[in-house]
Amino acid sequence: MSTFNLRYDLESPTNLLGLVADSRVTHTVTIKAAEAIAPGEPVGYNGLLAAGPTAPIKGVARLQTSLEQTDAGLVEYAIGDAVPLVSFGPVWVRAAKAVSAGVPAYAILSGTTKGQFTDTQSGVTTTAPVGFFETATPGSANAILFVQRGA
């Protein structure tokens, strides 16, 4: 069994999905989950993973260090749970492919990479960027997304 550092330090080197990336100001709001939501996934105002390309994103599900694994071994919020969302600021997410720092980030809404982010707008992503990538990845990997959507 692996042991992870789940503390929120000023400059955390841990890149767990949904973990706030550093000590910069972030804005967090809470929403009631309408479906199972994993940390690091985009969430709409309806409490679902973004439902459609034009549906606004309220924020990215933030990791709570007290969140326990489900019986299936997943770390996720259940239907009805209060989910903290980063609606502004840096948070770790999953980039579905190689991305460059400084490029817009779009939430992927369907397919095998649903809930991840990409730098290319398409028919399966949000039409507006959620924010921008602050770190580059060589392929599918965790990256820092600076969220600029939601309220």
Protein backbone atom coordinates (compact mmCIF):
# COMPACT_ATOMS: atom_id res chain seq x y z
CA MET A 1 0.00 0.00 0.00
CA SER A 2 1.35 3.41 -0.98
CA THR A 3 1.53 6.30 1.42
CA PHE A 4 0.93 9.78 0.05
CA ASN A 5 1.60 13.16 1.57
CA LEU A 6 -1.88 14.69 1.66
CA ARG A 7 -0.99 17.89 3.49
CA TYR A 8 -1.60 21.28 1.97
CA ASP A 9 1.83 22.90 2.26
CA LEU A 10 2.66 26.33 0.86
CA GLU A 11 4.39 24.74 -2.14
CA SER A 12 3.22 21.13 -2.33
CA PRO A 13 5.28 18.93 -4.69
CA THR A 14 2.50 16.34 -4.76
CA ASN A 15 0.49 16.38 -7.96
CA LEU A 16 -2.66 14.58 -6.85
CA LEU A 17 -5.76 15.33 -8.91
CA GLY A 18 -7.83 18.08 -7.32
CA LEU A 19 -5.04 19.24 -5.02
CA VAL A 20 -4.60 23.01 -4.94
CA ALA A 21 -1.20 23.50 -6.58
CA ASP A 22 0.38 26.15 -4.38
CA SER A 23 -0.20 29.00 -1.94
CA ARG A 24 -1.66 31.52 -4.40
CA VAL A 25 -5.15 32.85 -3.75
CA THR A 26 -7.89 30.45 -4.79
CA HIS A 27 -11.65 30.77 -4.67
CA THR A 28 -13.57 27.70 -3.54
CA VAL A 29 -17.32 27.20 -3.66
CA THR A 30 -19.39 24.17 -2.67
CA ILE A 31 -22.03 22.34 -4.67
CA LYS A 32 -24.12 19.21 -4.07
CA ALA A 33 -23.01 16.28 -6.24
CA ALA A 34 -25.70 15.00 -8.61
CA GLU A 35 -23.44 12.12 -9.72
CA ALA A 36 -20.16 10.55 -8.61
CA ILE A 37 -17.39 13.12 -9.07
CA ALA A 38 -13.66 12.53 -8.71
CA PRO A 39 -11.22 15.21 -7.56
CA GLY A 40 -9.78 17.13 -10.49
CA GLU A 41 -12.90 16.83 -12.67
CA PRO A 42 -14.86 19.79 -14.09
CA VAL A 43 -18.28 20.33 -12.51
CA GLY A 44 -21.23 22.34 -13.83
CA TYR A 45 -23.75 24.42 -11.93
CA ASN A 46 -26.11 21.42 -11.87
CA GLY A 47 -23.70 19.31 -9.79
CA LEU A 48 -22.84 17.08 -12.76
CA LEU A 49 -19.73 16.72 -14.81
CA ALA A 50 -20.33 19.35 -17.47
CA ALA A 51 -23.43 18.24 -19.37
CA GLY A 52 -22.87 19.94 -22.71
CA PRO A 53 -20.43 22.09 -24.68
CA THR A 54 -22.15 25.35 -23.79
CA ALA A 55 -23.00 24.40 -20.18
CA PRO A 56 -20.92 26.64 -17.92
CA ILE A 57 -18.36 25.07 -15.61
CA LYS A 58 -18.70 26.11 -11.97
CA GLY A 59 -15.24 24.81 -11.05
CA VAL A 60 -12.92 21.85 -10.65
CA ALA A 61 -13.57 19.33 -7.85
CA ARG A 62 -11.04 19.95 -5.08
CA LEU A 63 -9.42 17.09 -3.19
CA GLN A 64 -10.34 16.96 0.48
CA THR A 65 -7.73 15.09 2.45
CA SER A 66 -10.51 13.45 4.50
CA LEU A 67 -12.12 11.90 1.39
CA GLU A 68 -12.06 8.10 1.78
CA GLN A 69 -11.82 5.44 -0.87
CA THR A 70 -15.03 3.73 -1.93
CA ASP A 71 -15.44 -0.05 -1.67
CA ALA A 72 -14.31 -0.17 -5.33
CA GLY A 73 -11.04 1.58 -4.39
CA LEU A 74 -11.99 4.92 -5.98
CA VAL A 75 -11.58 8.32 -4.38
CA GLU A 76 -14.69 10.25 -5.36
CA TYR A 77 -17.61 12.23 -4.02
CA ALA A 78 -20.91 10.33 -3.96
CA ILE A 79 -24.31 11.61 -5.05
CA GLY A 80 -25.50 14.09 -2.42
CA ASP A 81 -22.03 14.87 -1.06
CA ALA A 82 -20.93 18.47 -0.65
CA VAL A 83 -18.18 18.97 -3.24
CA PRO A 84 -15.69 21.84 -2.88
CA LEU A 85 -14.88 23.36 -6.27
CA VAL A 86 -11.92 25.54 -7.19
CA SER A 87 -13.59 28.26 -9.26
CA PHE A 88 -10.47 30.43 -9.47
CA GLY A 89 -6.84 29.48 -8.97
CA PRO A 90 -4.29 26.72 -9.60
CA VAL A 91 -5.34 23.08 -9.24
CA TRP A 92 -3.96 19.74 -10.44
CA VAL A 93 -5.97 18.10 -13.25
CA ARG A 94 -5.42 15.38 -15.85
CA ALA A 95 -4.36 16.52 -19.32
CA ALA A 96 -5.62 14.01 -21.89
CA LYS A 97 -2.62 14.59 -24.17
CA ALA A 98 0.57 16.61 -24.40
CA VAL A 99 -0.06 20.28 -23.63
CA SER A 100 2.07 23.41 -23.45
CA ALA A 101 2.16 25.90 -20.61
CA GLY A 102 0.14 29.07 -21.20
CA VAL A 103 -2.43 27.58 -23.59
CA PRO A 104 -6.21 27.57 -22.99
CA ALA A 105 -7.68 24.48 -21.30
CA TYR A 106 -11.01 22.94 -22.31
CA ALA A 107 -12.95 20.35 -20.30
CA ILE A 108 -13.62 17.05 -22.09
CA LEU A 109 -17.31 16.13 -21.78
CA SER A 110 -17.58 12.64 -23.26
CA GLY A 111 -15.61 9.60 -24.37
CA THR A 112 -12.86 7.69 -22.61
CA THR A 113 -11.18 10.91 -21.42
CA LYS A 114 -14.36 12.52 -19.99
CA GLY A 115 -13.50 14.69 -17.00
CA GLN A 116 -9.99 15.43 -18.25
CA PHE A 117 -8.71 18.55 -19.99
CA THR A 118 -7.18 19.36 -23.37
CA ASP A 119 -5.75 22.38 -25.17
CA THR A 120 -7.94 21.92 -28.25
CA GLN A 121 -11.60 22.91 -28.52
CA SER A 122 -13.70 20.26 -30.30
CA GLY A 123 -17.19 18.76 -30.43
CA VAL A 124 -16.58 16.84 -27.18
CA THR A 125 -15.20 19.76 -25.13
CA THR A 126 -16.54 22.94 -23.63
CA THR A 127 -16.81 25.73 -26.20
CA ALA A 128 -15.11 28.21 -23.88
CA PRO A 129 -11.85 27.55 -22.03
CA VAL A 130 -12.06 26.75 -18.32
CA GLY A 131 -8.71 28.45 -17.75
CA PHE A 132 -5.17 27.80 -18.93
CA PHE A 133 -2.47 25.20 -18.37
CA GLU A 134 0.42 26.45 -16.24
CA THR A 135 2.58 23.39 -16.78
CA ALA A 136 3.46 21.42 -19.90
CA THR A 137 3.11 17.65 -20.23
CA PRO A 138 4.90 15.27 -22.62
CA GLY A 139 1.69 13.24 -23.03
CA SER A 140 -1.31 12.30 -20.94
CA ALA A 141 -0.29 13.38 -17.44
CA ASN A 142 -1.22 15.55 -14.48
CA ALA A 143 -0.84 19.29 -15.05
CA ILE A 144 -1.59 22.51 -13.21
CA LEU A 145 -4.70 24.24 -14.55
CA PHE A 146 -5.34 27.85 -13.52
CA VAL A 147 -9.14 27.94 -13.32
CA GLN A 148 -10.72 31.20 -14.47
CA ARG A 149 -14.34 30.11 -14.85
CA GLY A 150 -17.15 29.81 -12.37
CA ALA A 151 -18.23 31.97 -9.49
